[in-house]
Amino acid sequence: MRRLYAQHSDIYTVSELCGLFGKSKQAYYKHDADAYMRRMAMEELAVRYIEEVRRNDHGTGGLKIWSV
């Protein structure tokens, strides 16, 4: 639905698109917030992992970490 809204925001409102899919505006925005929090949690996990790897082996470069 996000892609549909991005393509047609000049024609349809969020409310209209939510109505088409039987969802509330609240559900639409909550999903957006939940997705943002999941992405932030994954980034935090990745940063902690990289910091731990670098702490244990200072010679490990970004390419090697990326391949793991």
N, C-alpha and C. Protein backbone atom coordinates (compact mmCIF):
# COMPACT_ATOMS: atom_id res chain seq x y z
N MET A 1 0.82 -1.18 0.00
CA MET A 1 0.00 0.00 0.00
C MET A 1 0.87 1.26 0.00
N ARG A 2 2.02 1.17 0.64
CA ARG A 2 2.92 2.33 0.69
C ARG A 2 3.33 2.73 -0.72
N ARG A 3 3.65 1.75 -1.55
CA ARG A 3 4.06 2.04 -2.92
C ARG A 3 2.90 2.66 -3.70
N LEU A 4 1.72 2.12 -3.49
CA LEU A 4 0.54 2.65 -4.17
C LEU A 4 0.30 4.10 -3.77
N TYR A 5 0.43 4.40 -2.49
CA TYR A 5 0.25 5.78 -2.02
C TYR A 5 1.33 6.69 -2.59
N ALA A 6 2.56 6.21 -2.64
CA ALA A 6 3.66 7.03 -3.18
C ALA A 6 3.41 7.36 -4.66
N GLN A 7 2.86 6.41 -5.39
CA GLN A 7 2.62 6.63 -6.81
C GLN A 7 1.39 7.51 -7.08
N HIS A 8 0.41 7.47 -6.18
CA HIS A 8 -0.86 8.14 -6.45
C HIS A 8 -1.30 9.07 -5.33
N SER A 9 -0.35 9.62 -4.59
CA SER A 9 -0.73 10.49 -3.46
C SER A 9 -1.42 11.77 -3.93
N ASP A 10 -1.23 12.12 -5.19
CA ASP A 10 -1.92 13.30 -5.71
C ASP A 10 -3.39 13.01 -6.02
N ILE A 11 -3.74 11.73 -6.09
CA ILE A 11 -5.12 11.34 -6.42
C ILE A 11 -5.87 10.83 -5.19
N TYR A 12 -5.22 9.96 -4.41
CA TYR A 12 -5.86 9.30 -3.27
C TYR A 12 -5.25 9.74 -1.95
N THR A 13 -6.07 9.80 -0.93
CA THR A 13 -5.58 10.08 0.42
C THR A 13 -5.26 8.75 1.10
N VAL A 14 -4.54 8.83 2.20
CA VAL A 14 -4.25 7.63 2.98
C VAL A 14 -5.57 7.00 3.44
N SER A 15 -6.51 7.82 3.84
CA SER A 15 -7.81 7.30 4.30
C SER A 15 -8.52 6.51 3.21
N GLU A 16 -8.50 7.02 1.99
CA GLU A 16 -9.17 6.32 0.88
C GLU A 16 -8.49 4.99 0.59
N LEU A 17 -7.18 4.97 0.56
CA LEU A 17 -6.48 3.72 0.29
C LEU A 17 -6.68 2.72 1.42
N CYS A 18 -6.67 3.20 2.65
CA CYS A 18 -6.91 2.30 3.78
C CYS A 18 -8.31 1.69 3.68
N GLY A 19 -9.28 2.50 3.26
CA GLY A 19 -10.64 2.00 3.08
C GLY A 19 -10.71 0.91 2.03
N LEU A 20 -9.96 1.06 0.95
CA LEU A 20 -9.94 0.04 -0.10
C LEU A 20 -9.44 -1.30 0.41
N PHE A 21 -8.49 -1.25 1.34
CA PHE A 21 -7.89 -2.48 1.86
C PHE A 21 -8.50 -2.92 3.19
N GLY A 22 -9.51 -2.19 3.64
CA GLY A 22 -10.17 -2.56 4.88
C GLY A 22 -9.32 -2.34 6.12
N LYS A 23 -8.42 -1.37 6.07
CA LYS A 23 -7.54 -1.06 7.20
C LYS A 23 -7.84 0.35 7.69
N SER A 24 -7.46 0.61 8.93
CA SER A 24 -7.63 1.96 9.47
C SER A 24 -6.36 2.76 9.21
N LYS A 25 -6.49 4.08 9.26
CA LYS A 25 -5.30 4.93 9.14
C LYS A 25 -4.33 4.63 10.28
N GLN A 26 -4.89 4.35 11.45
CA GLN A 26 -4.05 4.05 12.61
C GLN A 26 -3.20 2.81 12.33
N ALA A 27 -3.79 1.78 11.73
CA ALA A 27 -3.03 0.57 11.41
C ALA A 27 -1.94 0.87 10.39
N TYR A 28 -2.24 1.71 9.43
CA TYR A 28 -1.26 2.10 8.41
C TYR A 28 -0.05 2.76 9.05
N TYR A 29 -0.30 3.74 9.91
CA TYR A 29 0.81 4.46 10.54
C TYR A 29 1.51 3.62 11.60
N LYS A 30 0.77 2.73 12.28
CA LYS A 30 1.39 1.85 13.27
C LYS A 30 2.34 0.89 12.58
N HIS A 31 1.92 0.35 11.43
CA HIS A 31 2.80 -0.54 10.68
C HIS A 31 4.08 0.19 10.29
N ASP A 32 3.94 1.43 9.88
CA ASP A 32 5.10 2.23 9.51
C ASP A 32 6.04 2.41 10.70
N ALA A 33 5.48 2.69 11.87
CA ALA A 33 6.30 2.87 13.08
C ALA A 33 6.95 1.56 13.49
N ASP A 34 6.21 0.45 13.38
CA ASP A 34 6.76 -0.86 13.74
C ASP A 34 7.91 -1.23 12.80
N ALA A 35 7.74 -0.96 11.51
CA ALA A 35 8.79 -1.26 10.55
C ALA A 35 10.04 -0.44 10.85
N TYR A 36 9.84 0.82 11.22
CA TYR A 36 10.97 1.69 11.57
C TYR A 36 11.70 1.15 12.79
N MET A 37 10.96 0.71 13.81
CA MET A 37 11.58 0.18 15.02
C MET A 37 12.33 -1.12 14.73
N ARG A 38 11.79 -1.98 13.88
CA ARG A 38 12.50 -3.22 13.50
C ARG A 38 13.80 -2.89 12.78
N ARG A 39 13.75 -1.93 11.88
CA ARG A 39 14.95 -1.54 11.14
C ARG A 39 16.00 -0.97 12.09
N MET A 40 15.57 -0.15 13.03
CA MET A 40 16.51 0.43 14.00
C MET A 40 17.13 -0.66 14.88
N ALA A 41 16.33 -1.64 15.28
CA ALA A 41 16.84 -2.74 16.11
C ALA A 41 17.86 -3.56 15.33
N MET A 42 17.61 -3.81 14.05
CA MET A 42 18.56 -4.57 13.24
C MET A 42 19.86 -3.79 13.05
N GLU A 43 19.76 -2.49 12.86
CA GLU A 43 20.97 -1.67 12.72
C GLU A 43 21.77 -1.68 14.01
N GLU A 44 21.09 -1.58 15.14
CA GLU A 44 21.77 -1.61 16.44
C GLU A 44 22.48 -2.95 16.64
N LEU A 45 21.81 -4.03 16.28
CA LEU A 45 22.41 -5.36 16.38
C LEU A 45 23.65 -5.46 15.49
N ALA A 46 23.57 -4.95 14.28
CA ALA A 46 24.70 -4.99 13.36
C ALA A 46 25.87 -4.17 13.89
N VAL A 47 25.60 -2.99 14.42
CA VAL A 47 26.66 -2.13 14.96
C VAL A 47 27.35 -2.82 16.13
N ARG A 48 26.56 -3.41 17.02
CA ARG A 48 27.16 -4.12 18.17
C ARG A 48 28.02 -5.29 17.72
N TYR A 49 27.54 -6.04 16.72
CA TYR A 49 28.31 -7.17 16.20
C TYR A 49 29.63 -6.69 15.61
N ILE A 50 29.57 -5.65 14.81
CA ILE A 50 30.78 -5.11 14.17
C ILE A 50 31.75 -4.61 15.22
N GLU A 51 31.25 -3.92 16.24
CA GLU A 51 32.13 -3.43 17.31
C GLU A 51 32.80 -4.59 18.03
N GLU A 52 32.06 -5.67 18.27
CA GLU A 52 32.64 -6.84 18.94
C GLU A 52 33.71 -7.49 18.08
N VAL A 53 33.43 -7.66 16.80
CA VAL A 53 34.42 -8.26 15.90
C VAL A 53 35.67 -7.40 15.85
N ARG A 54 35.50 -6.09 15.72
CA ARG A 54 36.66 -5.19 15.66
C ARG A 54 37.44 -5.17 16.97
N ARG A 55 36.75 -5.31 18.09
CA ARG A 55 37.40 -5.32 19.39
C ARG A 55 38.26 -6.58 19.54
N ASN A 56 37.77 -7.71 19.02
CA ASN A 56 38.49 -8.98 19.13
C ASN A 56 39.59 -9.13 18.09
N ASP A 57 39.42 -8.52 16.93
CA ASP A 57 40.42 -8.64 15.86
C ASP A 57 40.51 -7.30 15.14
N HIS A 58 41.47 -6.49 15.55
CA HIS A 58 41.60 -5.13 15.01
C HIS A 58 41.90 -5.11 13.51
N GLY A 59 42.42 -6.20 12.98
CA GLY A 59 42.78 -6.23 11.57
C GLY A 59 41.63 -6.58 10.65
N THR A 60 40.49 -6.92 11.20
CA THR A 60 39.36 -7.29 10.37
C THR A 60 38.79 -6.05 9.71
N GLY A 61 38.75 -6.06 8.40
CA GLY A 61 38.25 -4.91 7.65
C GLY A 61 36.77 -5.02 7.34
N GLY A 62 36.26 -3.97 6.78
CA GLY A 62 34.84 -3.90 6.46
C GLY A 62 34.38 -4.95 5.48
N LEU A 63 35.20 -5.26 4.48
CA LEU A 63 34.82 -6.25 3.48
C LEU A 63 34.67 -7.63 4.10
N LYS A 64 35.59 -7.98 4.98
CA LYS A 64 35.52 -9.29 5.64
C LYS A 64 34.30 -9.36 6.55
N ILE A 65 34.03 -8.30 7.29
CA ILE A 65 32.85 -8.28 8.16
C ILE A 65 31.59 -8.37 7.31
N TRP A 66 31.56 -7.66 6.20
CA TRP A 66 30.39 -7.66 5.31
C TRP A 66 30.10 -9.06 4.79
N SER A 67 31.16 -9.83 4.49
CA SER A 67 30.97 -11.17 3.94
C SER A 67 30.44 -12.15 4.97
N VAL A 68 30.62 -11.83 6.25
CA VAL A 68 30.13 -12.71 7.32
C VAL A 68 28.65 -12.52 7.41
